[in-house]
């Protein structure tokens, strides 16, 4: 799947390691943003966007080498991820308007 990022103004970027403990992405980086483009490297993760913690078996699956777009500030603030298996994953996140 490809995404057209034309017209998106990127305002921040971060890399985040996803371990066996559910964690949010950097809310400060995403403050005021209505767009987050996330790629997943190293291993798959489970995620939720409702502010609740996923588990290794529960939540949406974002597989290694796949990407995800969050299209509003509420989804960015509600995002939580945990690694799916035994290997930590890395999320690369660009925030924008």
PDB file of N, CA and C in Angstrom:
ATOM      1  N   UNK A   1       0.851  -1.158   0.000  1.00  0.00           N
ATOM      2  CA  UNK A   1       0.000   0.000   0.000  1.00  0.00           C
ATOM      3  C   UNK A   1       0.905   1.232   0.000  1.00  0.00           C
ATOM      4  N   UNK A   2       0.522   2.242  -0.727  1.00  0.00           N
ATOM      5  CA  UNK A   2       1.287   3.484  -0.735  1.00  0.00           C
ATOM      6  C   UNK A   2       0.383   4.627  -0.282  1.00  0.00           C
ATOM      7  N   UNK A   3       1.008   5.689   0.197  1.00  0.00           N
ATOM      8  CA  UNK A   3       0.280   6.847   0.678  1.00  0.00           C
ATOM      9  C   UNK A   3       0.780   8.078  -0.049  1.00  0.00           C
ATOM     10  N   UNK A   4      -0.124   8.947  -0.397  1.00  0.00           N
ATOM     11  CA  UNK A   4       0.235  10.216  -1.022  1.00  0.00           C
ATOM     12  C   UNK A   4       0.372  11.251   0.088  1.00  0.00           C
ATOM     13  N   UNK A   5       1.590  11.683   0.337  1.00  0.00           N
ATOM     14  CA  UNK A   5       1.838  12.649   1.394  1.00  0.00           C
ATOM     15  C   UNK A   5       1.942  14.071   0.857  1.00  0.00           C
ATOM     16  N   UNK A   6       1.515  14.258  -0.385  1.00  0.00           N
ATOM     17  CA  UNK A   6       1.526  15.587  -0.988  1.00  0.00           C
ATOM     18  C   UNK A   6       0.667  16.543  -0.165  1.00  0.00           C
ATOM     19  N   UNK A   7       1.186  17.704   0.108  1.00  0.00           N
ATOM     20  CA  UNK A   7       0.431  18.707   0.847  1.00  0.00           C
ATOM     21  C   UNK A   7       0.526  18.577   2.353  1.00  0.00           C
ATOM     22  N   UNK A   8       1.181  17.543   2.847  1.00  0.00           N
ATOM     23  CA  UNK A   8       1.346  17.362   4.283  1.00  0.00           C
ATOM     24  C   UNK A   8       2.574  18.159   4.738  1.00  0.00           C
ATOM     25  N   UNK A   9       2.408  18.937   5.779  1.00  0.00           N
ATOM     26  CA  UNK A   9       3.543  19.671   6.345  1.00  0.00           C
ATOM     27  C   UNK A   9       3.989  18.932   7.602  1.00  0.00           C
ATOM     28  N   UNK A  10       5.154  18.286   7.528  1.00  0.00           N
ATOM     29  CA  UNK A  10       5.681  17.533   8.654  1.00  0.00           C
ATOM     30  C   UNK A  10       6.233  18.516   9.677  1.00  0.00           C
ATOM     31  N   UNK A  11       5.798  18.369  10.929  1.00  0.00           N
ATOM     32  CA  UNK A  11       6.199  19.283  11.994  1.00  0.00           C
ATOM     33  C   UNK A  11       7.101  18.634  13.034  1.00  0.00           C
ATOM     34  N   UNK A  12       7.158  17.295  13.071  1.00  0.00           N
ATOM     35  CA  UNK A  12       7.998  16.603  14.038  1.00  0.00           C
ATOM     36  C   UNK A  12       8.222  15.172  13.588  1.00  0.00           C
ATOM     37  N   UNK A  13       9.265  14.542  14.147  1.00  0.00           N
ATOM     38  CA  UNK A  13       9.619  13.166  13.822  1.00  0.00           C
ATOM     39  C   UNK A  13      10.210  12.531  15.066  1.00  0.00           C
ATOM     40  N   UNK A  14       9.962  11.224  15.219  1.00  0.00           N
ATOM     41  CA  UNK A  14      10.601  10.480  16.301  1.00  0.00           C
ATOM     42  C   UNK A  14      10.698   9.004  15.946  1.00  0.00           C
ATOM     43  N   UNK A  15      11.620   8.333  16.610  1.00  0.00           N
ATOM     44  CA  UNK A  15      11.735   6.874  16.579  1.00  0.00           C
ATOM     45  C   UNK A  15      11.419   6.390  17.981  1.00  0.00           C
ATOM     46  N   UNK A  16      10.659   5.298  18.079  1.00  0.00           N
ATOM     47  CA  UNK A  16      10.289   4.782  19.390  1.00  0.00           C
ATOM     48  C   UNK A  16      10.407   3.271  19.401  1.00  0.00           C
ATOM     49  N   UNK A  17      11.052   2.733  20.425  1.00  0.00           N
ATOM     50  CA  UNK A  17      11.147   1.291  20.601  1.00  0.00           C
ATOM     51  C   UNK A  17       9.889   0.795  21.296  1.00  0.00           C
ATOM     52  N   UNK A  18       9.320  -0.284  20.764  1.00  0.00           N
ATOM     53  CA  UNK A  18       8.126  -0.891  21.358  1.00  0.00           C
ATOM     54  C   UNK A  18       8.557  -2.194  22.017  1.00  0.00           C
ATOM     55  N   UNK A  19       8.315  -2.299  23.319  1.00  0.00           N
ATOM     56  CA  UNK A  19       8.742  -3.455  24.111  1.00  0.00           C
ATOM     57  C   UNK A  19       7.523  -4.283  24.531  1.00  0.00           C
ATOM     58  N   UNK A  20       7.711  -5.089  25.564  1.00  0.00           N
ATOM     59  CA  UNK A  20       6.632  -5.941  26.061  1.00  0.00           C
ATOM     60  C   UNK A  20       5.715  -5.208  27.042  1.00  0.00           C
ATOM     61  N   UNK A  21       5.873  -3.895  27.160  1.00  0.00           N
ATOM     62  CA  UNK A  21       4.965  -3.075  27.962  1.00  0.00           C
ATOM     63  C   UNK A  21       4.280  -2.075  27.041  1.00  0.00           C
ATOM     64  N   UNK A  22       2.964  -2.008  27.090  1.00  0.00           N
ATOM     65  CA  UNK A  22       2.214  -1.084  26.233  1.00  0.00           C
ATOM     66  C   UNK A  22       2.612   0.349  26.548  1.00  0.00           C
ATOM     67  N   UNK A  23       2.793   1.133  25.496  1.00  0.00           N
ATOM     68  CA  UNK A  23       3.176   2.529  25.691  1.00  0.00           C
ATOM     69  C   UNK A  23       2.595   3.404  24.590  1.00  0.00           C
ATOM     70  N   UNK A  24       2.390   4.693  24.916  1.00  0.00           N
ATOM     71  CA  UNK A  24       1.895   5.636  23.903  1.00  0.00           C
ATOM     72  C   UNK A  24       3.051   6.151  23.062  1.00  0.00           C
ATOM     73  N   UNK A  25       2.722   6.826  21.969  1.00  0.00           N
ATOM     74  CA  UNK A  25       3.743   7.573  21.258  1.00  0.00           C
ATOM     75  C   UNK A  25       3.864   8.923  21.957  1.00  0.00           C
ATOM     76  N   UNK A  26       4.853   9.698  21.594  1.00  0.00           N
ATOM     77  CA  UNK A  26       5.140  10.962  22.261  1.00  0.00           C
ATOM     78  C   UNK A  26       4.016  11.965  22.023  1.00  0.00           C
ATOM     79  N   UNK A  27       3.183  12.157  23.022  1.00  0.00           N
ATOM     80  CA  UNK A  27       2.035  13.057  22.883  1.00  0.00           C
ATOM     81  C   UNK A  27       2.505  14.488  22.639  1.00  0.00           C
ATOM     82  N   UNK A  28       3.623  14.890  23.236  1.00  0.00           N
ATOM     83  CA  UNK A  28       4.134  16.250  23.015  1.00  0.00           C
ATOM     84  C   UNK A  28       4.482  16.477  21.557  1.00  0.00           C
ATOM     85  N   UNK A  29       5.082  15.474  20.915  1.00  0.00           N
ATOM     86  CA  UNK A  29       5.429  15.611  19.496  1.00  0.00           C
ATOM     87  C   UNK A  29       4.163  15.712  18.655  1.00  0.00           C
ATOM     88  N   UNK A  30       3.119  15.014  19.053  1.00  0.00           N
ATOM     89  CA  UNK A  30       1.880  15.010  18.290  1.00  0.00           C
ATOM     90  C   UNK A  30       0.896  16.104  18.656  1.00  0.00           C
ATOM     91  N   UNK A  31       1.222  16.938  19.644  1.00  0.00           N
ATOM     92  CA  UNK A  31       0.297  17.997  20.064  1.00  0.00           C
ATOM     93  C   UNK A  31      -0.037  18.919  18.908  1.00  0.00           C
ATOM     94  N   UNK A  32      -1.319  19.134  18.692  1.00  0.00           N
ATOM     95  CA  UNK A  32      -1.765  20.031  17.646  1.00  0.00           C
ATOM     96  C   UNK A  32      -1.696  19.449  16.251  1.00  0.00           C
ATOM     97  N   UNK A  33      -1.239  18.222  16.128  1.00  0.00           N
ATOM     98  CA  UNK A  33      -1.124  17.586  14.810  1.00  0.00           C
ATOM     99  C   UNK A  33      -2.402  16.834  14.480  1.00  0.00           C
ATOM    100  N   UNK A  34      -2.702  16.750  13.204  1.00  0.00           N
ATOM    101  CA  UNK A  34      -3.864  15.983  12.796  1.00  0.00           C
ATOM    102  C   UNK A  34      -3.458  14.854  11.863  1.00  0.00           C
ATOM    103  N   UNK A  35      -2.176  14.486  11.902  1.00  0.00           N
ATOM    104  CA  UNK A  35      -1.672  13.457  11.013  1.00  0.00           C
ATOM    105  C   UNK A  35      -0.433  12.821  11.629  1.00  0.00           C
ATOM    106  N   UNK A  36      -0.394  11.501  11.643  1.00  0.00           N
ATOM    107  CA  UNK A  36       0.816  10.777  12.028  1.00  0.00           C
ATOM    108  C   UNK A  36       0.998   9.635  11.038  1.00  0.00           C
ATOM    109  N   UNK A  37       2.166   9.578  10.435  1.00  0.00           N
ATOM    110  CA  UNK A  37       2.528   8.503   9.519  1.00  0.00           C
ATOM    111  C   UNK A  37       3.520   7.629  10.263  1.00  0.00           C
ATOM    112  N   UNK A  38       3.159   6.359  10.468  1.00  0.00           N
ATOM    113  CA  UNK A  38       3.940   5.449  11.302  1.00  0.00           C
ATOM    114  C   UNK A  38       4.383   4.255  10.469  1.00  0.00           C
ATOM    115  N   UNK A  39       5.681   3.946  10.514  1.00  0.00           N
ATOM    116  CA  UNK A  39       6.175   2.712   9.910  1.00  0.00           C
ATOM    117  C   UNK A  39       6.721   1.831  11.021  1.00  0.00           C
ATOM    118  N   UNK A  40       6.640   0.523  10.817  1.00  0.00           N
ATOM    119  CA  UNK A  40       7.016  -0.456  11.827  1.00  0.00           C
ATOM    120  C   UNK A  40       8.203  -1.266  11.312  1.00  0.00           C
ATOM    121  N   UNK A  41       9.265  -1.360  12.123  1.00  0.00           N
ATOM    122  CA  UNK A  41      10.476  -2.079  11.734  1.00  0.00           C
ATOM    123  C   UNK A  41      10.863  -3.091  12.804  1.00  0.00           C
ATOM    124  N   UNK A  42      11.479  -4.168  12.386  1.00  0.00           N
ATOM    125  CA  UNK A  42      12.057  -5.140  13.310  1.00  0.00           C
ATOM    126  C   UNK A  42      11.127  -6.254  13.738  1.00  0.00           C
ATOM    127  N   UNK A  43       9.892  -5.947  14.023  1.00  0.00           N
ATOM    128  CA  UNK A  43       8.907  -6.939  14.476  1.00  0.00           C
ATOM    129  C   UNK A  43       7.526  -6.300  14.402  1.00  0.00           C
ATOM    130  N   UNK A  44       6.499  -7.115  14.487  1.00  0.00           N
ATOM    131  CA  UNK A  44       5.134  -6.601  14.485  1.00  0.00           C
ATOM    132  C   UNK A  44       4.728  -6.079  15.847  1.00  0.00           C
ATOM    133  N   UNK A  45       3.710  -5.232  15.858  1.00  0.00           N
ATOM    134  CA  UNK A  45       3.159  -4.714  17.105  1.00  0.00           C
ATOM    135  C   UNK A  45       1.643  -4.857  17.092  1.00  0.00           C
ATOM    136  N   UNK A  46       1.053  -4.841  18.269  1.00  0.00           N
ATOM    137  CA  UNK A  46      -0.390  -4.720  18.441  1.00  0.00           C
ATOM    138  C   UNK A  46      -0.648  -3.307  18.942  1.00  0.00           C
ATOM    139  N   UNK A  47      -1.726  -2.684  18.453  1.00  0.00           N
ATOM    140  CA  UNK A  47      -2.005  -1.317  18.873  1.00  0.00           C
ATOM    141  C   UNK A  47      -3.494  -1.087  19.039  1.00  0.00           C
ATOM    142  N   UNK A  48      -3.801  -0.053  19.827  1.00  0.00           N
ATOM    143  CA  UNK A  48      -5.156   0.457  19.973  1.00  0.00           C
ATOM    144  C   UNK A  48      -5.082   1.966  19.869  1.00  0.00           C
ATOM    145  N   UNK A  49      -6.185   2.595  19.456  1.00  0.00           N
ATOM    146  CA  UNK A  49      -6.220   4.051  19.347  1.00  0.00           C
ATOM    147  C   UNK A  49      -7.285   4.674  20.245  1.00  0.00           C
ATOM    148  N   UNK A  50      -7.801   3.880  21.182  1.00  0.00           N
ATOM    149  CA  UNK A  50      -8.838   4.368  22.092  1.00  0.00           C
ATOM    150  C   UNK A  50      -8.290   4.724  23.471  1.00  0.00           C
ATOM    151  N   UNK A  51      -6.967   4.733  23.616  1.00  0.00           N
ATOM    152  CA  UNK A  51      -6.353   5.061  24.895  1.00  0.00           C
ATOM    153  C   UNK A  51      -6.186   3.882  25.826  1.00  0.00           C
ATOM    154  N   UNK A  52      -6.732   2.730  25.463  1.00  0.00           N
ATOM    155  CA  UNK A  52      -6.588   1.519  26.273  1.00  0.00           C
ATOM    156  C   UNK A  52      -5.336   0.759  25.835  1.00  0.00           C
ATOM    157  N   UNK A  53      -4.745   0.004  26.756  1.00  0.00           N
ATOM    158  CA  UNK A  53      -3.534  -0.748  26.438  1.00  0.00           C
ATOM    159  C   UNK A  53      -3.852  -2.026  25.663  1.00  0.00           C
ATOM    160  N   UNK A  54      -3.135  -2.268  24.568  1.00  0.00           N
ATOM    161  CA  UNK A  54      -3.246  -3.555  23.887  1.00  0.00           C
ATOM    162  C   UNK A  54      -2.432  -4.600  24.650  1.00  0.00           C
ATOM    163  N   UNK A  55      -2.595  -5.851  24.280  1.00  0.00           N
ATOM    164  CA  UNK A  55      -1.751  -6.925  24.799  1.00  0.00           C
ATOM    165  C   UNK A  55      -1.073  -7.589  23.604  1.00  0.00           C
ATOM    166  N   UNK A  56      -0.208  -8.532  23.858  1.00  0.00           N
ATOM    167  CA  UNK A  56       0.477  -9.230  22.770  1.00  0.00           C
ATOM    168  C   UNK A  56      -0.497 -10.010  21.897  1.00  0.00           C
ATOM    169  N   UNK A  57      -1.711 -10.266  22.404  1.00  0.00           N
ATOM    170  CA  UNK A  57      -2.710 -11.028  21.660  1.00  0.00           C
ATOM    171  C   UNK A  57      -3.958 -10.224  21.297  1.00  0.00           C
ATOM    172  N   UNK A  58      -4.091  -9.022  21.824  1.00  0.00           N
ATOM    173  CA  UNK A  58      -5.310  -8.235  21.621  1.00  0.00           C
ATOM    174  C   UNK A  58      -4.978  -6.824  21.139  1.00  0.00           C
ATOM    175  N   UNK A  59      -5.650  -6.415  20.107  1.00  0.00           N
ATOM    176  CA  UNK A  59      -5.426  -5.113  19.487  1.00  0.00           C
ATOM    177  C   UNK A  59      -5.205  -5.312  17.999  1.00  0.00           C
ATOM    178  N   UNK A  60      -5.157  -4.229  17.269  1.00  0.00           N
ATOM    179  CA  UNK A  60      -4.903  -4.308  15.828  1.00  0.00           C
ATOM    180  C   UNK A  60      -3.454  -4.695  15.591  1.00  0.00           C
ATOM    181  N   UNK A  61      -3.211  -5.476  14.561  1.00  0.00           N
ATOM    182  CA  UNK A  61      -1.858  -5.903  14.222  1.00  0.00           C
ATOM    183  C   UNK A  61      -1.261  -4.966  13.180  1.00  0.00           C
ATOM    184  N   UNK A  62      -0.090  -4.441  13.472  1.00  0.00           N
ATOM    185  CA  UNK A  62       0.708  -3.706  12.494  1.00  0.00           C
ATOM    186  C   UNK A  62       1.964  -4.534  12.276  1.00  0.00           C
ATOM    187  N   UNK A  63       2.030  -5.162  11.127  1.00  0.00           N
ATOM    188  CA  UNK A  63       3.136  -6.072  10.853  1.00  0.00           C
ATOM    189  C   UNK A  63       4.416  -5.326  10.503  1.00  0.00           C
ATOM    190  N   UNK A  64       5.526  -6.000  10.706  1.00  0.00           N
ATOM    191  CA  UNK A  64       6.843  -5.470  10.352  1.00  0.00           C
ATOM    192  C   UNK A  64       6.851  -5.039   8.893  1.00  0.00           C
ATOM    193  N   UNK A  65       7.451  -3.891   8.619  1.00  0.00           N
ATOM    194  CA  UNK A  65       7.586  -3.306   7.277  1.00  0.00           C
ATOM    195  C   UNK A  65       6.274  -2.752   6.726  1.00  0.00           C
ATOM    196  N   UNK A  66       5.257  -2.628   7.571  1.00  0.00           N
ATOM    197  CA  UNK A  66       3.998  -2.022   7.152  1.00  0.00           C
ATOM    198  C   UNK A  66       3.874  -0.634   7.775  1.00  0.00           C
ATOM    199  N   UNK A  67       2.888   0.116   7.309  1.00  0.00           N
ATOM    200  CA  UNK A  67       2.714   1.479   7.807  1.00  0.00           C
ATOM    201  C   UNK A  67       1.260   1.733   8.181  1.00  0.00           C
ATOM    202  N   UNK A  68       1.071   2.807   8.909  1.00  0.00           N
ATOM    203  CA  UNK A  68      -0.232   3.184   9.444  1.00  0.00           C
ATOM    204  C   UNK A  68      -0.349   4.700   9.402  1.00  0.00           C
ATOM    205  N   UNK A  69      -1.519   5.199   9.075  1.00  0.00           N
ATOM    206  CA  UNK A  69      -1.785   6.633   9.125  1.00  0.00           C
ATOM    207  C   UNK A  69      -2.865   6.891  10.167  1.00  0.00           C
ATOM    208  N   UNK A  70      -2.573   7.800  11.094  1.00  0.00           N
ATOM    209  CA  UNK A  70      -3.566   8.277  12.046  1.00  0.00           C
ATOM    210  C   UNK A  70      -3.979   9.656  11.582  1.00  0.00           C
ATOM    211  N   UNK A  71      -5.277   9.873  11.384  1.00  0.00           N
ATOM    212  CA  UNK A  71      -5.740  11.083  10.732  1.00  0.00           C
ATOM    213  C   UNK A  71      -6.345  12.146  11.617  1.00  0.00           C
ATOM    214  N   UNK A  72      -6.177  12.044  12.942  1.00  0.00           N
ATOM    215  CA  UNK A  72      -6.678  13.107  13.812  1.00  0.00           C
ATOM    216  C   UNK A  72      -5.940  13.078  15.143  1.00  0.00           C
ATOM    217  N   UNK A  73      -5.993  14.200  15.853  1.00  0.00           N
ATOM    218  CA  UNK A  73      -5.256  14.335  17.106  1.00  0.00           C
ATOM    219  C   UNK A  73      -5.737  13.339  18.165  1.00  0.00           C
ATOM    220  N   UNK A  74      -7.028  13.046  18.207  1.00  0.00           N
ATOM    221  CA  UNK A  74      -7.553  12.098  19.197  1.00  0.00           C
ATOM    222  C   UNK A  74      -6.961  10.706  18.997  1.00  0.00           C
ATOM    223  N   UNK A  75      -6.828  10.262  17.754  1.00  0.00           N
ATOM    224  CA  UNK A  75      -6.228   8.953  17.473  1.00  0.00           C
ATOM    225  C   UNK A  75      -4.753   8.932  17.847  1.00  0.00           C
ATOM    226  N   UNK A  76      -4.056  10.045  17.587  1.00  0.00           N
ATOM    227  CA  UNK A  76      -2.644  10.131  17.950  1.00  0.00           C
ATOM    228  C   UNK A  76      -2.487  10.037  19.462  1.00  0.00           C
ATOM    229  N   UNK A  77      -3.291  10.782  20.183  1.00  0.00           N
ATOM    230  CA  UNK A  77      -3.210  10.770  21.648  1.00  0.00           C
ATOM    231  C   UNK A  77      -3.668   9.442  22.239  1.00  0.00           C
ATOM    232  N   UNK A  78      -4.573   8.730  21.551  1.00  0.00           N
ATOM    233  CA  UNK A  78      -5.081   7.457  22.043  1.00  0.00           C
ATOM    234  C   UNK A  78      -4.255   6.255  21.639  1.00  0.00           C
ATOM    235  N   UNK A  79      -3.233   6.455  20.815  1.00  0.00           N
ATOM    236  CA  UNK A  79      -2.422   5.346  20.295  1.00  0.00           C
ATOM    237  C   UNK A  79      -1.583   4.721  21.405  1.00  0.00           C
ATOM    238  N   UNK A  80      -1.648   3.398  21.523  1.00  0.00           N
ATOM    239  CA  UNK A  80      -0.825   2.609  22.441  1.00  0.00           C
ATOM    240  C   UNK A  80      -0.359   1.385  21.670  1.00  0.00           C
ATOM    241  N   UNK A  81       0.890   0.971  21.875  1.00  0.00           N
ATOM    242  CA  UNK A  81       1.429  -0.185  21.161  1.00  0.00           C
ATOM    243  C   UNK A  81       2.229  -1.077  22.098  1.00  0.00           C
ATOM    244  N   UNK A  82       2.281  -2.363  21.748  1.00  0.00           N
ATOM    245  CA  UNK A  82       3.081  -3.356  22.451  1.00  0.00           C
ATOM    246  C   UNK A  82       3.622  -4.318  21.395  1.00  0.00           C
ATOM    247  N   UNK A  83       4.811  -4.858  21.624  1.00  0.00           N
ATOM    248  CA  UNK A  83       5.344  -5.798  20.639  1.00  0.00           C
ATOM    249  C   UNK A  83       4.486  -7.056  20.608  1.00  0.00           C
ATOM    250  N   UNK A  84       4.458  -7.689  19.444  1.00  0.00           N
ATOM    251  CA  UNK A  84       3.617  -8.880  19.291  1.00  0.00           C
ATOM    252  C   UNK A  84       4.296 -10.136  19.814  1.00  0.00           C
ATOM    253  N   UNK A  85       5.571 -10.294  19.604  1.00  0.00           N
ATOM    254  CA  UNK A  85       6.282 -11.511  20.011  1.00  0.00           C
ATOM    255  C   UNK A  85       7.405 -11.205  20.989  1.00  0.00           C
ATOM    256  N   UNK A  86       8.527 -11.869  20.792  1.00  0.00           N
ATOM    257  CA  UNK A  86       9.663 -11.745  21.697  1.00  0.00           C
ATOM    258  C   UNK A  86      10.643 -10.645  21.295  1.00  0.00           C
ATOM    259  N   UNK A  87      10.492 -10.093  20.102  1.00  0.00           N
ATOM    260  CA  UNK A  87      11.447  -9.119  19.579  1.00  0.00           C
ATOM    261  C   UNK A  87      10.870  -7.715  19.647  1.00  0.00           C
ATOM    262  N   UNK A  88      11.660  -6.769  20.171  1.00  0.00           N
ATOM    263  CA  UNK A  88      11.234  -5.374  20.186  1.00  0.00           C
ATOM    264  C   UNK A  88      11.083  -4.851  18.762  1.00  0.00           C
ATOM    265  N   UNK A  89      10.180  -3.920  18.592  1.00  0.00           N
ATOM    266  CA  UNK A  89       9.949  -3.267  17.298  1.00  0.00           C
ATOM    267  C   UNK A  89      10.366  -1.797  17.418  1.00  0.00           C
ATOM    268  N   UNK A  90      10.566  -1.166  16.272  1.00  0.00           N
ATOM    269  CA  UNK A  90      10.838   0.268  16.240  1.00  0.00           C
ATOM    270  C   UNK A  90       9.781   0.927  15.369  1.00  0.00           C
ATOM    271  N   UNK A  91       9.138   1.959  15.922  1.00  0.00           N
ATOM    272  CA  UNK A  91       8.199   2.766  15.151  1.00  0.00           C
ATOM    273  C   UNK A  91       8.913   4.041  14.727  1.00  0.00           C
ATOM    274  N   UNK A  92       8.783   4.404  13.451  1.00  0.00           N
ATOM    275  CA  UNK A  92       9.278   5.678  12.923  1.00  0.00           C
ATOM    276  C   UNK A  92       8.027   6.510  12.668  1.00  0.00           C
ATOM    277  N   UNK A  93       7.959   7.683  13.274  1.00  0.00           N
ATOM    278  CA  UNK A  93       6.726   8.457  13.251  1.00  0.00           C
ATOM    279  C   UNK A  93       6.999   9.876  12.764  1.00  0.00           C
ATOM    280  N   UNK A  94       6.272  10.283  11.720  1.00  0.00           N
ATOM    281  CA  UNK A  94       6.277  11.667  11.263  1.00  0.00           C
ATOM    282  C   UNK A  94       4.921  12.272  11.599  1.00  0.00           C
ATOM    283  N   UNK A  95       4.950  13.422  12.270  1.00  0.00           N
ATOM    284  CA  UNK A  95       3.733  14.142  12.630  1.00  0.00           C
ATOM    285  C   UNK A  95       3.558  15.321  11.682  1.00  0.00           C
ATOM    286  N   UNK A  96       2.316  15.651  11.375  1.00  0.00           N
ATOM    287  CA  UNK A  96       2.118  16.776  10.483  1.00  0.00           C
ATOM    288  C   UNK A  96       0.740  17.387  10.553  1.00  0.00           C
ATOM    289  N   UNK A  97       0.593  18.390   9.695  1.00  0.00           N
ATOM    290  CA  UNK A  97      -0.661  19.136   9.580  1.00  0.00           C
ATOM    291  C   UNK A  97      -1.212  18.993   8.187  1.00  0.00           C
TER     292      UNK A  97
END
